[in-house]
Amino acid sequence: MAINIANETIVSLTEATKILPKVNGKRPAISTLWRWCRKGLHGVHLDYIRIGRNIATSHEALNRFFVALAEQDEPLADSPREPNRSRPATTARDRERSLADADRVLDRAGI
């Protein structure tokens, strides 16, 4: 949705960083907001307008952006999560076998 300058509260990206809450004690950088405008975050883009050389957004656009991100999280919260394992868990026996293999390789190499 485009920003309607007649009905929305326009703020520069600099001002927008000041109205957003701190994360880990820091405000988001202006470049972060610009990246959200141009590239988006998880497929959601922050609406912006160009006023001459300056880039601006609005309070309402920020709200739409964060609501859209939160809506994407809802289906994830409802689905059961599977453990993210790219390989099986290593047992003590597997570790000992790997160490023995490594020792044999080093012995053959004379190291």
C-alpha atoms as a PDB file:
ATOM      1  CA  MET A   1       0.000   0.000   0.000  1.00  0.00           C
ATOM      2  CA  ALA A   2       1.372   3.397  -0.918  1.00  0.00           C
ATOM      3  CA  ILE A   3       1.772   6.213   1.554  1.00  0.00           C
ATOM      4  CA  ASN A   4      -0.994   8.814   1.414  1.00  0.00           C
ATOM      5  CA  ILE A   5       0.715  12.090   2.319  1.00  0.00           C
ATOM      6  CA  ALA A   6      -2.631  13.775   3.009  1.00  0.00           C
ATOM      7  CA  ASN A   7      -3.674  11.288   5.691  1.00  0.00           C
ATOM      8  CA  GLU A   8      -0.459   9.864   7.129  1.00  0.00           C
ATOM      9  CA  THR A   9       2.157  11.301   9.473  1.00  0.00           C
ATOM     10  CA  ILE A  10       5.294  11.596   7.334  1.00  0.00           C
ATOM     11  CA  VAL A  11       8.690  11.160   8.996  1.00  0.00           C
ATOM     12  CA  SER A  12      12.204  11.005   7.598  1.00  0.00           C
ATOM     13  CA  LEU A  13      14.102   7.753   8.012  1.00  0.00           C
ATOM     14  CA  THR A  14      16.217   9.518  10.649  1.00  0.00           C
ATOM     15  CA  GLU A  15      13.108  10.471  12.614  1.00  0.00           C
ATOM     16  CA  ALA A  16      11.698   6.967  12.132  1.00  0.00           C
ATOM     17  CA  THR A  17      14.733   5.419  13.823  1.00  0.00           C
ATOM     18  CA  LYS A  18      14.043   7.609  16.852  1.00  0.00           C
ATOM     19  CA  ILE A  19      10.424   6.506  17.246  1.00  0.00           C
ATOM     20  CA  LEU A  20      11.214   2.788  17.025  1.00  0.00           C
ATOM     21  CA  PRO A  21      12.011   0.911  20.237  1.00  0.00           C
ATOM     22  CA  LYS A  22      15.573  -0.010  21.084  1.00  0.00           C
ATOM     23  CA  VAL A  23      16.729  -3.578  20.474  1.00  0.00           C
ATOM     24  CA  ASN A  24      19.676  -4.709  22.596  1.00  0.00           C
ATOM     25  CA  GLY A  25      20.068  -1.116  23.761  1.00  0.00           C
ATOM     26  CA  LYS A  26      20.392   0.324  20.244  1.00  0.00           C
ATOM     27  CA  ARG A  27      18.035   1.976  17.817  1.00  0.00           C
ATOM     28  CA  PRO A  28      17.910   0.565  14.295  1.00  0.00           C
ATOM     29  CA  ALA A  29      20.277   2.259  11.866  1.00  0.00           C
ATOM     30  CA  ILE A  30      18.975   4.406   9.034  1.00  0.00           C
ATOM     31  CA  SER A  31      20.526   1.910   6.619  1.00  0.00           C
ATOM     32  CA  THR A  32      18.386  -0.824   8.187  1.00  0.00           C
ATOM     33  CA  LEU A  33      15.190   1.086   7.452  1.00  0.00           C
ATOM     34  CA  TRP A  34      16.402   1.807   3.923  1.00  0.00           C
ATOM     35  CA  ARG A  35      17.093  -1.920   3.431  1.00  0.00           C
ATOM     36  CA  TRP A  36      13.553  -2.699   4.658  1.00  0.00           C
ATOM     37  CA  CYS A  37      12.253  -0.220   2.056  1.00  0.00           C
ATOM     38  CA  ARG A  38      14.305  -1.525  -0.873  1.00  0.00           C
ATOM     39  CA  LYS A  39      14.797  -5.232  -0.160  1.00  0.00           C
ATOM     40  CA  GLY A  40      12.204  -5.922   2.498  1.00  0.00           C
ATOM     41  CA  LEU A  41      12.355  -8.299   5.426  1.00  0.00           C
ATOM     42  CA  HIS A  42      10.947 -11.816   4.972  1.00  0.00           C
ATOM     43  CA  GLY A  43       9.152 -10.610   1.838  1.00  0.00           C
ATOM     44  CA  VAL A  44       7.553  -7.573   3.506  1.00  0.00           C
ATOM     45  CA  HIS A  45       8.603  -4.082   2.354  1.00  0.00           C
ATOM     46  CA  LEU A  46       8.407  -0.837   4.302  1.00  0.00           C
ATOM     47  CA  ASP A  47       6.485   1.773   2.296  1.00  0.00           C
ATOM     48  CA  TYR A  48       8.407   4.956   1.556  1.00  0.00           C
ATOM     49  CA  ILE A  49       8.230   8.118  -0.494  1.00  0.00           C
ATOM     50  CA  ARG A  50      10.914  10.261  -1.993  1.00  0.00           C
ATOM     51  CA  ILE A  51      10.754  13.973  -1.230  1.00  0.00           C
ATOM     52  CA  GLY A  52      13.395  15.535  -3.424  1.00  0.00           C
ATOM     53  CA  ARG A  53      16.638  13.873  -2.365  1.00  0.00           C
ATOM     54  CA  ASN A  54      15.205  12.672   0.928  1.00  0.00           C
ATOM     55  CA  ILE A  55      13.508   9.394   1.745  1.00  0.00           C
ATOM     56  CA  ALA A  56      10.567   9.364   4.131  1.00  0.00           C
ATOM     57  CA  THR A  57       8.085   6.901   5.524  1.00  0.00           C
ATOM     58  CA  SER A  58       5.153   7.309   7.883  1.00  0.00           C
ATOM     59  CA  HIS A  59       4.051   6.182  11.315  1.00  0.00           C
ATOM     60  CA  GLU A  60       1.262   4.273   9.624  1.00  0.00           C
ATOM     61  CA  ALA A  61       3.639   2.607   7.135  1.00  0.00           C
ATOM     62  CA  LEU A  62       5.838   1.450  10.014  1.00  0.00           C
ATOM     63  CA  ASN A  63       2.766   0.032  11.722  1.00  0.00           C
ATOM     64  CA  ARG A  64       1.658  -1.792   8.537  1.00  0.00           C
ATOM     65  CA  PHE A  65       5.181  -3.179   8.103  1.00  0.00           C
ATOM     66  CA  PHE A  66       5.429  -4.604  11.621  1.00  0.00           C
ATOM     67  CA  VAL A  67       1.859  -5.945  11.586  1.00  0.00           C
ATOM     68  CA  ALA A  68       2.571  -7.748   8.291  1.00  0.00           C
ATOM     69  CA  LEU A  69       5.725  -9.281   9.788  1.00  0.00           C
ATOM     70  CA  ALA A  70       3.803 -10.411  12.872  1.00  0.00           C
ATOM     71  CA  GLU A  71       1.068 -11.957  10.706  1.00  0.00           C
ATOM     72  CA  GLN A  72       3.702 -14.044   8.961  1.00  0.00           C
ATOM     73  CA  ASP A  73       4.778 -15.417  12.350  1.00  0.00           C
ATOM     74  CA  GLU A  74       1.283 -16.635  13.296  1.00  0.00           C
ATOM     75  CA  PRO A  75       1.237 -19.734  11.034  1.00  0.00           C
ATOM     76  CA  LEU A  76       4.666 -20.690  12.359  1.00  0.00           C
ATOM     77  CA  ALA A  77       3.482 -20.509  15.953  1.00  0.00           C
ATOM     78  CA  ASP A  78       0.603 -22.923  15.241  1.00  0.00           C
ATOM     79  CA  SER A  79       2.638 -25.585  13.444  1.00  0.00           C
ATOM     80  CA  PRO A  80       4.616 -28.181  15.394  1.00  0.00           C
ATOM     81  CA  ARG A  81       8.336 -27.666  15.173  1.00  0.00           C
ATOM     82  CA  GLU A  82      10.683 -30.441  14.222  1.00  0.00           C
ATOM     83  CA  PRO A  83      14.256 -30.453  15.475  1.00  0.00           C
ATOM     84  CA  ASN A  84      16.565 -28.891  12.921  1.00  0.00           C
ATOM     85  CA  ARG A  85      19.213 -31.552  12.496  1.00  0.00           C
ATOM     86  CA  SER A  86      21.237 -31.620   9.348  1.00  0.00           C
ATOM     87  CA  ARG A  87      23.073 -34.727  10.519  1.00  0.00           C
ATOM     88  CA  PRO A  88      22.470 -37.362  13.179  1.00  0.00           C
ATOM     89  CA  ALA A  89      23.671 -36.800  16.722  1.00  0.00           C
ATOM     90  CA  THR A  90      27.244 -37.923  17.392  1.00  0.00           C
ATOM     91  CA  THR A  91      27.669 -40.588  20.066  1.00  0.00           C
ATOM     92  CA  ALA A  92      30.765 -41.229  22.175  1.00  0.00           C
ATOM     93  CA  ARG A  93      31.422 -44.371  20.138  1.00  0.00           C
ATOM     94  CA  ASP A  94      31.277 -42.386  16.861  1.00  0.00           C
ATOM     95  CA  ARG A  95      33.715 -39.856  18.291  1.00  0.00           C
ATOM     96  CA  GLU A  96      36.169 -42.567  19.366  1.00  0.00           C
ATOM     97  CA  ARG A  97      35.961 -44.175  15.922  1.00  0.00           C
ATOM     98  CA  SER A  98      36.651 -40.819  14.236  1.00  0.00           C
ATOM     99  CA  LEU A  99      39.648 -40.170  16.482  1.00  0.00           C
ATOM    100  CA  ALA A 100      41.051 -43.644  15.757  1.00  0.00           C
ATOM    101  CA  ASP A 101      40.618 -43.056  12.006  1.00  0.00           C
ATOM    102  CA  ALA A 102      42.408 -39.723  12.296  1.00  0.00           C
ATOM    103  CA  ASP A 103      45.276 -41.343  14.240  1.00  0.00           C
ATOM    104  CA  ARG A 104      45.685 -43.995  11.512  1.00  0.00           C
ATOM    105  CA  VAL A 105      45.800 -41.328   8.794  1.00  0.00           C
ATOM    106  CA  LEU A 106      48.411 -39.337  10.727  1.00  0.00           C
ATOM    107  CA  ASP A 107      50.513 -42.480  11.367  1.00  0.00           C
ATOM    108  CA  ARG A 108      50.484 -43.338   7.651  1.00  0.00           C
ATOM    109  CA  ALA A 109      51.540 -39.791   6.837  1.00  0.00           C
ATOM    110  CA  GLY A 110      54.368 -39.978   9.377  1.00  0.00           C
ATOM    111  CA  ILE A 111      53.036 -37.119  11.435  1.00  0.00           C
END
